[in-house]
């Protein structure tokens, strides 16, 4: 058997070509330049969708040792706003106790911190306990109407019923649409007039109270 086919014969090492410091630095920079940002900065880590902070950031940007972890606490507040720690009873093994006749390990009742994020026994966890509260702290896809919009909708319905009883129109879609548009115009005018009267009354009361505080005469004077 020849030496080329014999696996027990060690191969001769390839000839080593020494390089200068400048060439070594250039080769290292070329290798590093082709890496991604997370590979070039391993202390920051990759980009993650953080549920604790609610936005995307580097994995070890805020906590270099452990990353972003969910924080558990047993501190709660009472009705007056005072904080206190809450504990619960739990059975734990007692290493100092005597074992039973069948080799049973004794247990004792101890107080352990009652973490607020812990799921109670025999109760189905909520969606916030699954994915975290931060996921739901954002704007609604279908936001609720404001107070002014709700007043406008309610007044439009009232005016529409009044127009329906006064004006006898055919069951045409165009007629119904025109009647609804007219009801919106009338409702907007009514609300605008009521708001102007309310603002005027508020300004009048403000002027009267200021004159009283300054010690001026109130009767017969315009605010």
N, C-alpha and C. Protein backbone atom coordinates (compact mmCIF):
# COMPACT_ATOMS: atom_id res chain seq x y z
N UNK A 1 0.85 -1.19 0.00
CA UNK A 1 0.00 0.00 0.00
C UNK A 1 0.89 1.23 0.00
N UNK A 2 0.56 2.16 -0.84
CA UNK A 2 1.37 3.37 -0.95
C UNK A 2 1.10 4.31 0.21
N UNK A 3 2.03 5.23 0.37
CA UNK A 3 1.87 6.20 1.47
C UNK A 3 0.70 7.16 1.22
N UNK A 4 0.32 7.43 -0.06
CA UNK A 4 -0.79 8.35 -0.34
C UNK A 4 -2.11 7.78 0.12
N UNK A 5 -2.29 6.44 0.02
CA UNK A 5 -3.55 5.83 0.41
C UNK A 5 -3.56 5.35 1.85
N UNK A 6 -2.45 5.41 2.52
CA UNK A 6 -2.38 4.96 3.90
C UNK A 6 -2.84 6.09 4.84
N UNK A 7 -3.97 5.91 5.57
CA UNK A 7 -4.45 7.00 6.44
C UNK A 7 -3.60 7.19 7.68
N UNK A 8 -2.75 6.21 8.03
CA UNK A 8 -1.95 6.35 9.24
C UNK A 8 -0.76 7.26 9.05
N UNK A 9 -0.41 7.52 7.82
CA UNK A 9 0.74 8.38 7.56
C UNK A 9 0.31 9.83 7.74
N UNK A 10 0.91 10.60 8.64
CA UNK A 10 0.50 11.99 8.83
C UNK A 10 0.84 12.84 7.62
N UNK A 11 -0.07 13.80 7.35
CA UNK A 11 0.17 14.69 6.22
C UNK A 11 1.17 15.77 6.62
N UNK A 12 1.94 16.18 5.66
CA UNK A 12 2.89 17.25 5.92
C UNK A 12 2.15 18.59 5.98
N UNK A 13 2.43 19.40 6.99
CA UNK A 13 1.75 20.70 7.09
C UNK A 13 2.11 21.59 5.93
N UNK A 14 1.12 22.41 5.53
CA UNK A 14 1.36 23.35 4.43
C UNK A 14 2.35 24.41 4.87
N UNK A 15 2.99 24.94 3.91
CA UNK A 15 4.03 25.94 4.20
C UNK A 15 3.38 27.21 4.73
N UNK A 16 3.85 27.70 5.86
CA UNK A 16 3.31 28.91 6.50
C UNK A 16 3.96 30.15 5.90
N UNK A 17 3.09 31.06 5.47
CA UNK A 17 3.57 32.31 4.90
C UNK A 17 3.32 33.43 5.89
N UNK A 18 4.35 33.98 6.47
CA UNK A 18 4.15 35.05 7.45
C UNK A 18 3.58 36.30 6.77
N UNK A 19 2.76 37.07 7.57
CA UNK A 19 2.15 38.31 7.08
C UNK A 19 2.52 39.44 8.01
N UNK A 20 2.58 40.60 7.46
CA UNK A 20 2.89 41.76 8.27
C UNK A 20 1.67 42.18 9.09
N UNK A 21 1.87 43.09 10.05
CA UNK A 21 0.77 43.56 10.89
C UNK A 21 -0.29 44.29 10.08
N UNK A 22 0.09 45.04 9.10
CA UNK A 22 -0.88 45.78 8.29
C UNK A 22 -1.77 44.83 7.50
N UNK A 23 -1.17 43.76 6.96
CA UNK A 23 -1.97 42.80 6.22
C UNK A 23 -2.94 42.05 7.14
N UNK A 24 -2.47 41.72 8.37
CA UNK A 24 -3.36 41.04 9.33
C UNK A 24 -4.54 41.92 9.71
N UNK A 25 -4.28 43.19 9.95
CA UNK A 25 -5.36 44.12 10.30
C UNK A 25 -6.33 44.27 9.14
N UNK A 26 -5.82 44.39 7.91
CA UNK A 26 -6.69 44.53 6.75
C UNK A 26 -7.55 43.29 6.54
N UNK A 27 -6.96 42.08 6.75
CA UNK A 27 -7.74 40.85 6.60
C UNK A 27 -8.82 40.73 7.67
N UNK A 28 -8.48 41.13 8.91
CA UNK A 28 -9.48 41.07 9.99
C UNK A 28 -10.62 42.04 9.74
N UNK A 29 -10.29 43.25 9.28
CA UNK A 29 -11.33 44.23 8.97
C UNK A 29 -12.21 43.77 7.83
N UNK A 30 -11.63 43.11 6.84
CA UNK A 30 -12.43 42.59 5.73
C UNK A 30 -13.42 41.53 6.19
N UNK A 31 -12.97 40.67 7.13
CA UNK A 31 -13.87 39.63 7.65
C UNK A 31 -14.99 40.26 8.49
N UNK A 32 -14.64 41.24 9.32
CA UNK A 32 -15.64 41.87 10.18
C UNK A 32 -16.62 42.70 9.38
N UNK A 33 -16.16 43.30 8.29
CA UNK A 33 -17.02 44.17 7.49
C UNK A 33 -18.15 43.40 6.83
N UNK A 34 -17.95 42.14 6.53
CA UNK A 34 -18.98 41.33 5.89
C UNK A 34 -20.02 40.81 6.87
N UNK A 35 -19.83 40.97 8.17
CA UNK A 35 -20.79 40.48 9.15
C UNK A 35 -21.96 41.45 9.29
N UNK A 36 -23.04 40.93 9.91
CA UNK A 36 -24.20 41.78 10.19
C UNK A 36 -23.91 42.67 11.40
N UNK A 37 -24.84 43.60 11.67
CA UNK A 37 -24.61 44.51 12.78
C UNK A 37 -24.63 43.77 14.12
N UNK A 38 -25.53 42.80 14.27
CA UNK A 38 -25.58 42.06 15.53
C UNK A 38 -24.34 41.18 15.71
N UNK A 39 -23.75 40.72 14.59
CA UNK A 39 -22.51 39.94 14.68
C UNK A 39 -21.32 40.83 15.00
N UNK A 40 -21.35 42.07 14.50
CA UNK A 40 -20.27 43.01 14.81
C UNK A 40 -20.38 43.53 16.23
N UNK A 41 -21.62 43.62 16.76
CA UNK A 41 -21.85 44.11 18.14
C UNK A 41 -22.57 43.04 18.93
N UNK A 42 -21.90 41.96 19.33
CA UNK A 42 -22.61 40.89 20.05
C UNK A 42 -23.09 41.32 21.43
N UNK A 43 -22.52 42.39 21.98
CA UNK A 43 -22.98 42.83 23.32
C UNK A 43 -24.37 43.44 23.28
N UNK A 44 -24.85 43.88 22.09
CA UNK A 44 -26.19 44.44 21.96
C UNK A 44 -27.22 43.38 21.60
N UNK A 45 -26.85 42.39 20.80
CA UNK A 45 -27.78 41.33 20.41
C UNK A 45 -28.62 41.70 19.21
N UNK A 46 -29.55 40.81 18.86
CA UNK A 46 -30.42 41.01 17.72
C UNK A 46 -31.62 41.88 18.09
N UNK A 47 -32.34 42.32 17.06
CA UNK A 47 -33.56 43.09 17.28
C UNK A 47 -34.70 42.14 17.69
N UNK A 48 -35.44 42.51 18.72
CA UNK A 48 -36.55 41.69 19.23
C UNK A 48 -37.76 42.58 19.42
N UNK A 49 -38.95 41.97 19.34
CA UNK A 49 -40.20 42.66 19.66
C UNK A 49 -40.44 42.53 21.16
N UNK A 50 -40.05 43.52 21.91
CA UNK A 50 -40.10 43.45 23.37
C UNK A 50 -41.52 43.69 23.85
N UNK A 51 -42.06 42.74 24.63
CA UNK A 51 -43.38 42.89 25.22
C UNK A 51 -43.35 43.68 26.50
N UNK A 52 -42.18 43.76 27.15
CA UNK A 52 -42.09 44.51 28.40
C UNK A 52 -42.05 46.01 28.15
N UNK A 53 -41.31 46.43 27.10
CA UNK A 53 -41.19 47.86 26.81
C UNK A 53 -42.20 48.33 25.78
N UNK A 54 -42.72 47.43 24.94
CA UNK A 54 -43.73 47.81 23.97
C UNK A 54 -43.18 48.29 22.65
N UNK A 55 -41.88 48.17 22.39
CA UNK A 55 -41.31 48.58 21.11
C UNK A 55 -40.11 47.69 20.80
N UNK A 56 -39.62 47.76 19.56
CA UNK A 56 -38.49 46.96 19.13
C UNK A 56 -37.18 47.59 19.60
N UNK A 57 -36.29 46.76 20.08
CA UNK A 57 -34.96 47.24 20.46
C UNK A 57 -34.01 46.04 20.48
N UNK A 58 -32.75 46.33 20.72
CA UNK A 58 -31.75 45.26 20.79
C UNK A 58 -31.99 44.36 22.00
N UNK A 59 -31.57 43.12 21.89
CA UNK A 59 -31.90 42.13 22.92
C UNK A 59 -31.28 42.48 24.27
N UNK A 60 -30.02 42.94 24.28
CA UNK A 60 -29.33 43.27 25.54
C UNK A 60 -29.09 44.77 25.66
N UNK A 61 -29.99 45.57 25.12
CA UNK A 61 -29.77 47.02 25.14
C UNK A 61 -30.04 47.62 26.51
N UNK A 62 -31.06 47.13 27.23
CA UNK A 62 -31.44 47.69 28.51
C UNK A 62 -30.91 46.86 29.68
N UNK A 63 -30.85 45.54 29.53
CA UNK A 63 -30.33 44.68 30.58
C UNK A 63 -29.26 43.79 29.96
N UNK A 64 -27.99 44.20 30.02
CA UNK A 64 -26.95 43.43 29.33
C UNK A 64 -26.78 42.01 29.85
N UNK A 65 -27.13 41.73 31.11
CA UNK A 65 -26.89 40.42 31.69
C UNK A 65 -27.97 39.41 31.33
N UNK A 66 -29.24 39.78 31.48
CA UNK A 66 -30.34 38.84 31.29
C UNK A 66 -31.27 39.23 30.14
N UNK A 67 -31.14 40.42 29.59
CA UNK A 67 -32.10 40.86 28.61
C UNK A 67 -33.36 41.36 29.29
N UNK A 68 -34.44 41.48 28.55
CA UNK A 68 -35.71 41.97 29.10
C UNK A 68 -36.50 40.79 29.65
N UNK A 69 -36.70 40.79 30.94
CA UNK A 69 -37.47 39.75 31.59
C UNK A 69 -38.65 40.37 32.32
N UNK A 70 -39.70 39.58 32.45
CA UNK A 70 -40.88 40.05 33.15
C UNK A 70 -40.59 40.16 34.64
N UNK A 71 -41.00 41.26 35.24
CA UNK A 71 -40.72 41.54 36.65
C UNK A 71 -41.93 41.13 37.48
N UNK A 72 -41.70 40.33 38.49
CA UNK A 72 -42.75 39.90 39.40
C UNK A 72 -42.59 40.66 40.73
N UNK A 73 -43.71 40.97 41.34
CA UNK A 73 -43.67 41.70 42.60
C UNK A 73 -44.82 41.25 43.48
N UNK A 74 -44.61 41.36 44.78
CA UNK A 74 -45.66 41.04 45.75
C UNK A 74 -46.14 42.29 46.48
N UNK A 75 -45.69 43.47 46.04
CA UNK A 75 -46.10 44.72 46.68
C UNK A 75 -47.38 45.23 46.03
N UNK A 76 -48.38 45.49 46.87
CA UNK A 76 -49.67 45.99 46.41
C UNK A 76 -50.01 47.24 47.20
N UNK A 77 -51.06 47.93 46.76
CA UNK A 77 -51.51 49.16 47.42
C UNK A 77 -52.92 48.96 47.94
N UNK A 78 -53.18 49.57 49.11
CA UNK A 78 -54.52 49.51 49.67
C UNK A 78 -55.36 50.67 49.15
N UNK A 79 -56.52 50.89 49.74
CA UNK A 79 -57.41 51.96 49.29
C UNK A 79 -56.80 53.35 49.51
N UNK A 80 -55.98 53.49 50.51
CA UNK A 80 -55.36 54.79 50.81
C UNK A 80 -54.06 55.01 50.06
N UNK A 81 -53.64 54.07 49.23
CA UNK A 81 -52.41 54.23 48.46
C UNK A 81 -51.15 53.78 49.16
N UNK A 82 -51.28 53.18 50.34
CA UNK A 82 -50.10 52.72 51.08
C UNK A 82 -49.69 51.33 50.57
N UNK A 83 -48.39 51.14 50.35
CA UNK A 83 -47.88 49.88 49.82
C UNK A 83 -47.58 48.90 50.97
N UNK A 84 -47.82 47.64 50.68
CA UNK A 84 -47.48 46.58 51.62
C UNK A 84 -47.22 45.31 50.82
N UNK A 85 -46.51 44.35 51.44
CA UNK A 85 -46.18 43.09 50.79
C UNK A 85 -47.23 42.03 51.14
N UNK A 86 -47.64 41.29 50.13
CA UNK A 86 -48.66 40.27 50.31
C UNK A 86 -48.03 38.89 50.21
N UNK A 87 -48.37 38.02 51.17
CA UNK A 87 -47.84 36.66 51.22
C UNK A 87 -49.00 35.66 51.20
N UNK A 88 -48.67 34.42 50.85
CA UNK A 88 -49.65 33.34 50.85
C UNK A 88 -49.00 32.09 51.47
N UNK A 89 -49.85 31.19 51.98
CA UNK A 89 -49.37 29.97 52.61
C UNK A 89 -49.10 28.91 51.55
N UNK A 90 -48.02 28.16 51.74
CA UNK A 90 -47.63 27.12 50.80
C UNK A 90 -46.95 25.99 51.56
N UNK A 91 -47.24 24.75 51.14
CA UNK A 91 -46.63 23.56 51.75
C UNK A 91 -45.27 23.31 51.12
N UNK A 92 -44.24 23.24 51.96
CA UNK A 92 -42.88 22.97 51.50
C UNK A 92 -42.31 21.84 52.35
N UNK A 93 -41.31 21.16 51.81
CA UNK A 93 -40.68 20.05 52.54
C UNK A 93 -39.86 20.59 53.71
N UNK A 94 -39.92 19.87 54.79
CA UNK A 94 -39.20 20.24 56.01
C UNK A 94 -37.99 19.30 56.15
N UNK A 95 -36.78 19.75 55.82
CA UNK A 95 -35.62 18.84 55.91
C UNK A 95 -35.27 18.48 57.35
N UNK A 96 -35.64 19.31 58.31
CA UNK A 96 -35.30 19.04 59.70
C UNK A 96 -36.30 18.12 60.38
N UNK A 97 -37.45 17.90 59.78
CA UNK A 97 -38.46 17.07 60.41
C UNK A 97 -38.16 15.58 60.29
N UNK A 98 -38.85 14.79 61.09
CA UNK A 98 -38.65 13.35 61.08
C UNK A 98 -39.51 12.71 60.00
N UNK A 99 -38.93 11.72 59.29
CA UNK A 99 -39.65 11.05 58.22
C UNK A 99 -40.66 10.09 58.82
N UNK A 100 -41.70 9.81 58.04
CA UNK A 100 -42.74 8.90 58.47
C UNK A 100 -42.31 7.46 58.38
N UNK A 101 -43.21 6.55 58.79
CA UNK A 101 -42.85 5.11 58.75
C UNK A 101 -42.64 4.60 57.33
N UNK A 102 -43.30 5.17 56.36
CA UNK A 102 -43.14 4.74 54.97
C UNK A 102 -42.12 5.59 54.22
N UNK A 103 -41.31 6.32 54.91
CA UNK A 103 -40.31 7.16 54.27
C UNK A 103 -40.87 8.46 53.72
N UNK A 104 -42.01 8.88 54.25
CA UNK A 104 -42.63 10.11 53.76
C UNK A 104 -41.85 11.31 54.26
N UNK A 105 -41.67 12.26 53.37
CA UNK A 105 -40.96 13.48 53.74
C UNK A 105 -41.95 14.44 54.40
N UNK A 106 -41.67 14.92 55.58
CA UNK A 106 -42.63 15.83 56.24
C UNK A 106 -42.68 17.19 55.54
N UNK A 107 -43.81 17.82 55.65
CA UNK A 107 -44.02 19.13 55.07
C UNK A 107 -44.55 20.09 56.12
N UNK A 108 -44.29 21.37 55.90
CA UNK A 108 -44.75 22.39 56.81
C UNK A 108 -45.29 23.58 56.01
N UNK A 109 -46.13 24.36 56.65
CA UNK A 109 -46.75 25.52 56.02
C UNK A 109 -45.87 26.75 56.27
N UNK A 110 -45.49 27.38 55.19
CA UNK A 110 -44.66 28.59 55.28
C UNK A 110 -45.31 29.70 54.45
N UNK A 111 -44.90 30.91 54.73
CA UNK A 111 -45.39 32.07 53.99
C UNK A 111 -44.40 32.40 52.88
N UNK A 112 -44.90 32.49 51.66
CA UNK A 112 -44.08 32.85 50.50
C UNK A 112 -44.69 34.09 49.85
N UNK A 113 -43.89 34.88 49.16
CA UNK A 113 -44.43 36.09 48.51
C UNK A 113 -45.48 35.72 47.46
N UNK A 114 -46.60 36.41 47.51
CA UNK A 114 -47.69 36.21 46.56
C UNK A 114 -47.47 37.15 45.38
N UNK A 115 -46.86 36.61 44.31
CA UNK A 115 -46.56 37.43 43.14
C UNK A 115 -47.84 37.83 42.44
N UNK A 116 -47.91 39.09 42.03
CA UNK A 116 -49.14 39.62 41.45
C UNK A 116 -49.40 39.10 40.06
N UNK A 117 -48.38 38.63 39.34
CA UNK A 117 -48.57 38.12 38.00
C UNK A 117 -48.82 36.62 37.99
N UNK A 118 -48.82 35.99 39.16
CA UNK A 118 -49.06 34.55 39.21
C UNK A 118 -50.53 34.25 38.93
N UNK A 119 -50.80 33.16 38.21
CA UNK A 119 -52.17 32.77 37.86
C UNK A 119 -52.76 31.98 39.02
N UNK A 120 -53.94 32.33 39.53
CA UNK A 120 -54.53 31.57 40.64
C UNK A 120 -54.84 30.14 40.24
N UNK A 121 -54.98 29.30 41.25
CA UNK A 121 -55.27 27.88 41.03
C UNK A 121 -56.71 27.73 40.56
N UNK A 122 -56.93 26.78 39.63
CA UNK A 122 -58.27 26.46 39.11
C UNK A 122 -58.95 27.69 38.50
N UNK A 123 -58.18 28.51 37.81
CA UNK A 123 -58.74 29.67 37.13
C UNK A 123 -58.05 29.83 35.78
N UNK A 124 -58.84 30.06 34.74
CA UNK A 124 -58.28 30.19 33.41
C UNK A 124 -57.57 31.53 33.26
N UNK A 125 -56.33 31.55 32.80
CA UNK A 125 -55.61 32.82 32.68
C UNK A 125 -56.20 33.70 31.59
N UNK A 126 -56.07 34.99 31.76
CA UNK A 126 -56.57 35.95 30.79
C UNK A 126 -55.54 36.16 29.68
N UNK A 127 -55.96 36.89 28.65
CA UNK A 127 -55.06 37.14 27.53
C UNK A 127 -53.89 38.03 27.96
N UNK A 128 -54.12 38.95 28.88
CA UNK A 128 -53.04 39.81 29.35
C UNK A 128 -52.00 39.02 30.14
N UNK A 129 -52.43 37.98 30.84
CA UNK A 129 -51.48 37.13 31.56
C UNK A 129 -50.68 36.26 30.61
N UNK A 130 -51.21 35.98 29.42
CA UNK A 130 -50.49 35.19 28.44
C UNK A 130 -49.41 36.01 27.75
N UNK A 131 -49.79 37.13 27.16
CA UNK A 131 -48.87 37.90 26.32
C UNK A 131 -48.39 39.18 26.98
N UNK A 132 -48.93 39.55 28.14
CA UNK A 132 -48.48 40.76 28.83
C UNK A 132 -49.40 41.94 28.59
N UNK A 133 -49.41 42.86 29.56
CA UNK A 133 -50.28 44.02 29.48
C UNK A 133 -49.80 45.03 28.45
N UNK A 134 -48.50 45.04 28.16
CA UNK A 134 -47.96 46.03 27.23
C UNK A 134 -48.54 45.86 25.83
N UNK A 135 -48.96 44.65 25.49
CA UNK A 135 -49.49 44.42 24.15
C UNK A 135 -50.78 45.19 23.92
N UNK A 136 -51.56 45.42 24.97
CA UNK A 136 -52.86 46.08 24.83
C UNK A 136 -52.78 47.58 25.09
N UNK A 137 -51.62 48.09 25.45
CA UNK A 137 -51.49 49.52 25.73
C UNK A 137 -51.16 50.27 24.45
N UNK A 138 -52.12 50.36 23.56
CA UNK A 138 -51.96 51.10 22.31
C UNK A 138 -53.34 51.57 21.85
N UNK A 139 -53.36 52.30 20.76
CA UNK A 139 -54.61 52.86 20.28
C UNK A 139 -55.53 51.76 19.75
N UNK A 140 -56.82 51.98 19.90
CA UNK A 140 -57.81 51.02 19.44
C UNK A 140 -57.90 51.03 17.91
N UNK A 141 -58.19 49.88 17.34
CA UNK A 141 -58.44 49.82 15.90
C UNK A 141 -59.76 50.52 15.56
N UNK A 142 -60.77 50.39 16.42
CA UNK A 142 -62.05 51.07 16.25
C UNK A 142 -62.29 51.92 17.51
N UNK A 143 -61.75 53.13 17.56
CA UNK A 143 -61.86 53.94 18.78
C UNK A 143 -63.30 54.36 19.06
N UNK A 144 -63.58 54.60 20.32
CA UNK A 144 -64.90 55.05 20.74
C UNK A 144 -65.14 56.49 20.29
N UNK A 145 -66.42 56.80 20.09
CA UNK A 145 -66.76 58.16 19.69
C UNK A 145 -66.60 59.11 20.88
N UNK A 146 -66.30 60.36 20.57
CA UNK A 146 -66.17 61.36 21.63
C UNK A 146 -67.56 61.78 22.12
N UNK A 147 -67.58 62.59 23.16
CA UNK A 147 -68.84 63.03 23.75
C UNK A 147 -69.63 63.91 22.78
N UNK A 148 -68.94 64.77 22.04
CA UNK A 148 -69.62 65.64 21.08
C UNK A 148 -70.21 64.83 19.94
N UNK A 149 -69.47 63.82 19.45
CA UNK A 149 -69.98 63.00 18.36
C UNK A 149 -71.20 62.19 18.81
N UNK A 150 -71.19 61.69 20.05
CA UNK A 150 -72.35 60.96 20.55
C UNK A 150 -73.56 61.86 20.68
N UNK A 151 -73.36 63.10 21.12
CA UNK A 151 -74.48 64.05 21.17
C UNK A 151 -75.01 64.36 19.77
N UNK A 152 -74.10 64.49 18.82
CA UNK A 152 -74.51 64.77 17.44
C UNK A 152 -75.31 63.61 16.85
N UNK A 153 -74.89 62.37 17.12
CA UNK A 153 -75.62 61.20 16.61
C UNK A 153 -77.00 61.12 17.24
N UNK A 154 -77.08 61.34 18.54
CA UNK A 154 -78.37 61.27 19.22
C UNK A 154 -79.31 62.38 18.73
N UNK A 155 -78.79 63.59 18.57
CA UNK A 155 -79.63 64.68 18.10
C UNK A 155 -80.06 64.46 16.65
N UNK A 156 -79.20 63.88 15.83
CA UNK A 156 -79.56 63.59 14.43
C UNK A 156 -80.71 62.60 14.37
N UNK A 157 -80.70 61.59 15.24
CA UNK A 157 -81.81 60.63 15.26
C UNK A 157 -83.12 61.29 15.67
N UNK A 158 -83.05 62.19 16.66
CA UNK A 158 -84.26 62.88 17.10
C UNK A 158 -84.81 63.75 15.98
N UNK A 159 -83.95 64.53 15.32
CA UNK A 159 -84.39 65.40 14.24
C UNK A 159 -84.89 64.59 13.06
N UNK A 160 -84.26 63.47 12.79
CA UNK A 160 -84.70 62.62 11.67
C UNK A 160 -86.10 62.07 11.91
N UNK A 161 -86.41 61.67 13.15
CA UNK A 161 -87.76 61.20 13.47
C UNK A 161 -88.78 62.33 13.34
N UNK A 162 -88.39 63.54 13.72
CA UNK A 162 -89.30 64.67 13.58
C UNK A 162 -89.57 64.99 12.11
N UNK A 163 -88.52 64.98 11.29
CA UNK A 163 -88.71 65.23 9.86
C UNK A 163 -89.50 64.11 9.20
N UNK A 164 -89.34 62.90 9.69
CA UNK A 164 -90.08 61.77 9.13
C UNK A 164 -91.56 61.90 9.39
N UNK A 165 -91.94 62.45 10.54
CA UNK A 165 -93.36 62.62 10.86
C UNK A 165 -93.95 63.86 10.20
N UNK A 166 -93.12 64.87 9.91
CA UNK A 166 -93.63 66.11 9.31
C UNK A 166 -93.67 66.00 7.80
N UNK A 167 -92.55 65.57 7.19
CA UNK A 167 -92.44 65.51 5.74
C UNK A 167 -92.82 64.12 5.27
N UNK A 168 -93.77 64.03 4.36
CA UNK A 168 -94.22 62.75 3.84
C UNK A 168 -93.48 62.50 2.53
N UNK A 169 -92.42 61.67 2.59
CA UNK A 169 -91.62 61.36 1.41
C UNK A 169 -91.84 59.92 1.00
N UNK A 170 -91.56 59.65 -0.25
CA UNK A 170 -91.67 58.30 -0.76
C UNK A 170 -90.51 57.44 -0.25
N UNK A 171 -90.65 56.15 -0.42
CA UNK A 171 -89.61 55.25 0.05
C UNK A 171 -88.45 55.15 -0.91
N UNK A 172 -87.97 56.30 -1.39
CA UNK A 172 -86.85 56.33 -2.32
C UNK A 172 -85.55 56.50 -1.53
N UNK A 173 -84.47 55.87 -1.99
CA UNK A 173 -83.19 55.99 -1.30
C UNK A 173 -82.66 57.42 -1.37
N UNK A 174 -82.88 58.08 -2.51
CA UNK A 174 -82.42 59.46 -2.62
C UNK A 174 -83.15 60.36 -1.66
N UNK A 175 -84.46 60.16 -1.53
CA UNK A 175 -85.24 60.97 -0.60
C UNK A 175 -84.81 60.71 0.84
N UNK A 176 -84.57 59.45 1.17
CA UNK A 176 -84.12 59.13 2.53
C UNK A 176 -82.75 59.73 2.81
N UNK A 177 -81.86 59.69 1.81
CA UNK A 177 -80.53 60.27 1.98
C UNK A 177 -80.61 61.78 2.15
N UNK A 178 -81.43 62.44 1.36
CA UNK A 178 -81.57 63.89 1.48
C UNK A 178 -82.18 64.28 2.83
N UNK A 179 -83.14 63.48 3.30
CA UNK A 179 -83.74 63.76 4.61
C UNK A 179 -82.71 63.57 5.73
N UNK A 180 -81.83 62.56 5.60
CA UNK A 180 -80.79 62.35 6.61
C UNK A 180 -79.77 63.49 6.60
N UNK A 181 -79.41 63.96 5.41
CA UNK A 181 -78.49 65.09 5.33
C UNK A 181 -79.11 66.34 5.94
N UNK A 182 -80.39 66.56 5.68
CA UNK A 182 -81.07 67.72 6.27
C UNK A 182 -81.14 67.59 7.79
N UNK A 183 -81.36 66.36 8.28
CA UNK A 183 -81.40 66.16 9.74
C UNK A 183 -80.04 66.43 10.35
N UNK A 184 -78.96 66.07 9.68
CA UNK A 184 -77.62 66.36 10.20
C UNK A 184 -77.37 67.86 10.26
N UNK A 185 -77.80 68.58 9.23
CA UNK A 185 -77.59 70.03 9.22
C UNK A 185 -78.35 70.69 10.36
N UNK A 186 -79.62 70.29 10.56
CA UNK A 186 -80.42 70.87 11.63
C UNK A 186 -79.84 70.52 13.00
N UNK A 187 -79.39 69.27 13.18
CA UNK A 187 -78.81 68.87 14.47
C UNK A 187 -77.52 69.62 14.74
N UNK A 188 -76.68 69.81 13.73
CA UNK A 188 -75.44 70.57 13.93
C UNK A 188 -75.74 72.02 14.30
N UNK A 189 -76.74 72.63 13.67
CA UNK A 189 -77.09 74.01 14.02
C UNK A 189 -77.62 74.11 15.44
N UNK A 190 -78.44 73.15 15.85
CA UNK A 190 -78.97 73.18 17.21
C UNK A 190 -77.86 73.03 18.25
N UNK A 191 -76.97 72.08 18.03
CA UNK A 191 -75.87 71.89 18.99
C UNK A 191 -74.93 73.10 19.01
N UNK A 192 -74.67 73.70 17.86
CA UNK A 192 -73.80 74.87 17.81
C UNK A 192 -74.43 76.04 18.56
N UNK A 193 -75.74 76.22 18.39
CA UNK A 193 -76.42 77.31 19.09
C UNK A 193 -76.43 77.07 20.60
N UNK A 194 -76.70 75.84 21.03
CA UNK A 194 -76.69 75.52 22.46
C UNK A 194 -75.29 75.72 23.05
N UNK A 195 -74.25 75.36 22.28
CA UNK A 195 -72.89 75.53 22.77
C UNK A 195 -72.53 77.01 22.89
N UNK A 196 -72.98 77.82 21.93
CA UNK A 196 -72.72 79.26 22.01
C UNK A 196 -73.42 79.89 23.20
N UNK A 197 -74.67 79.49 23.46
CA UNK A 197 -75.38 80.03 24.62
C UNK A 197 -74.72 79.59 25.93
N UNK A 198 -74.25 78.33 25.97
CA UNK A 198 -73.58 77.85 27.18
C UNK A 198 -72.26 78.59 27.41
N UNK A 199 -71.49 78.84 26.34
CA UNK A 199 -70.24 79.58 26.48
C UNK A 199 -70.50 81.02 26.88
N UNK A 200 -71.55 81.60 26.33
CA UNK A 200 -71.89 82.97 26.70
C UNK A 200 -72.26 83.07 28.17
N UNK A 201 -73.06 82.10 28.66
CA UNK A 201 -73.43 82.10 30.08
C UNK A 201 -72.21 81.88 30.97
N UNK A 202 -71.29 81.03 30.52
CA UNK A 202 -70.06 80.79 31.30
C UNK A 202 -69.21 82.05 31.37
N UNK A 203 -69.09 82.76 30.26
CA UNK A 203 -68.32 84.01 30.28
C UNK A 203 -68.99 85.06 31.15
N UNK A 204 -70.31 85.10 31.13
CA UNK A 204 -71.02 86.08 31.97
C UNK A 204 -70.79 85.80 33.45
N UNK A 205 -70.89 84.53 33.84
CA UNK A 205 -70.66 84.19 35.25
C UNK A 205 -69.21 84.45 35.65
N UNK A 206 -68.27 84.22 34.75
CA UNK A 206 -66.87 84.49 35.05
C UNK A 206 -66.64 85.98 35.27
N UNK A 207 -67.25 86.80 34.40
CA UNK A 207 -67.10 88.25 34.57
C UNK A 207 -67.72 88.74 35.85
N UNK A 208 -68.88 88.21 36.22
CA UNK A 208 -69.53 88.62 37.47
C UNK A 208 -68.70 88.22 38.67
N UNK A 209 -68.17 87.01 38.66
CA UNK A 209 -67.36 86.56 39.80
C UNK A 209 -66.08 87.39 39.93
N UNK A 210 -65.48 87.79 38.81
CA UNK A 210 -64.29 88.60 38.88
C UNK A 210 -64.59 89.99 39.43
N UNK A 211 -65.75 90.56 39.05
CA UNK A 211 -66.12 91.87 39.58
C UNK A 211 -66.40 91.79 41.08
N UNK A 212 -67.00 90.67 41.50
CA UNK A 212 -67.26 90.51 42.94
C UNK A 212 -65.94 90.38 43.70
N UNK A 213 -64.98 89.64 43.15
CA UNK A 213 -63.70 89.49 43.83
C UNK A 213 -62.91 90.81 43.89
N UNK A 214 -63.11 91.68 42.91
CA UNK A 214 -62.43 92.98 42.92
C UNK A 214 -63.15 94.03 43.74
N UNK A 215 -64.38 93.69 44.25
CA UNK A 215 -65.12 94.64 45.05
C UNK A 215 -65.88 95.67 44.25
N UNK A 216 -66.19 95.39 42.98
CA UNK A 216 -66.92 96.32 42.13
C UNK A 216 -68.41 96.03 42.18
N UNK A 217 -69.18 96.95 41.65
CA UNK A 217 -70.64 96.79 41.62
C UNK A 217 -71.00 95.78 40.52
N UNK A 218 -72.02 94.98 40.84
CA UNK A 218 -72.43 93.94 39.92
C UNK A 218 -73.71 94.33 39.20
N UNK A 219 -74.67 94.93 39.90
CA UNK A 219 -75.95 95.26 39.30
C UNK A 219 -75.82 96.34 38.25
N UNK A 220 -76.42 96.10 37.07
CA UNK A 220 -76.43 97.10 36.01
C UNK A 220 -75.14 97.22 35.26
N UNK A 221 -74.24 96.32 35.39
CA UNK A 221 -72.94 96.38 34.69
C UNK A 221 -72.81 95.22 33.75
N UNK A 222 -72.22 95.47 32.63
CA UNK A 222 -71.97 94.42 31.64
C UNK A 222 -70.61 93.78 31.90
N UNK A 223 -70.53 92.48 31.88
CA UNK A 223 -69.23 91.82 32.13
C UNK A 223 -68.29 92.02 30.97
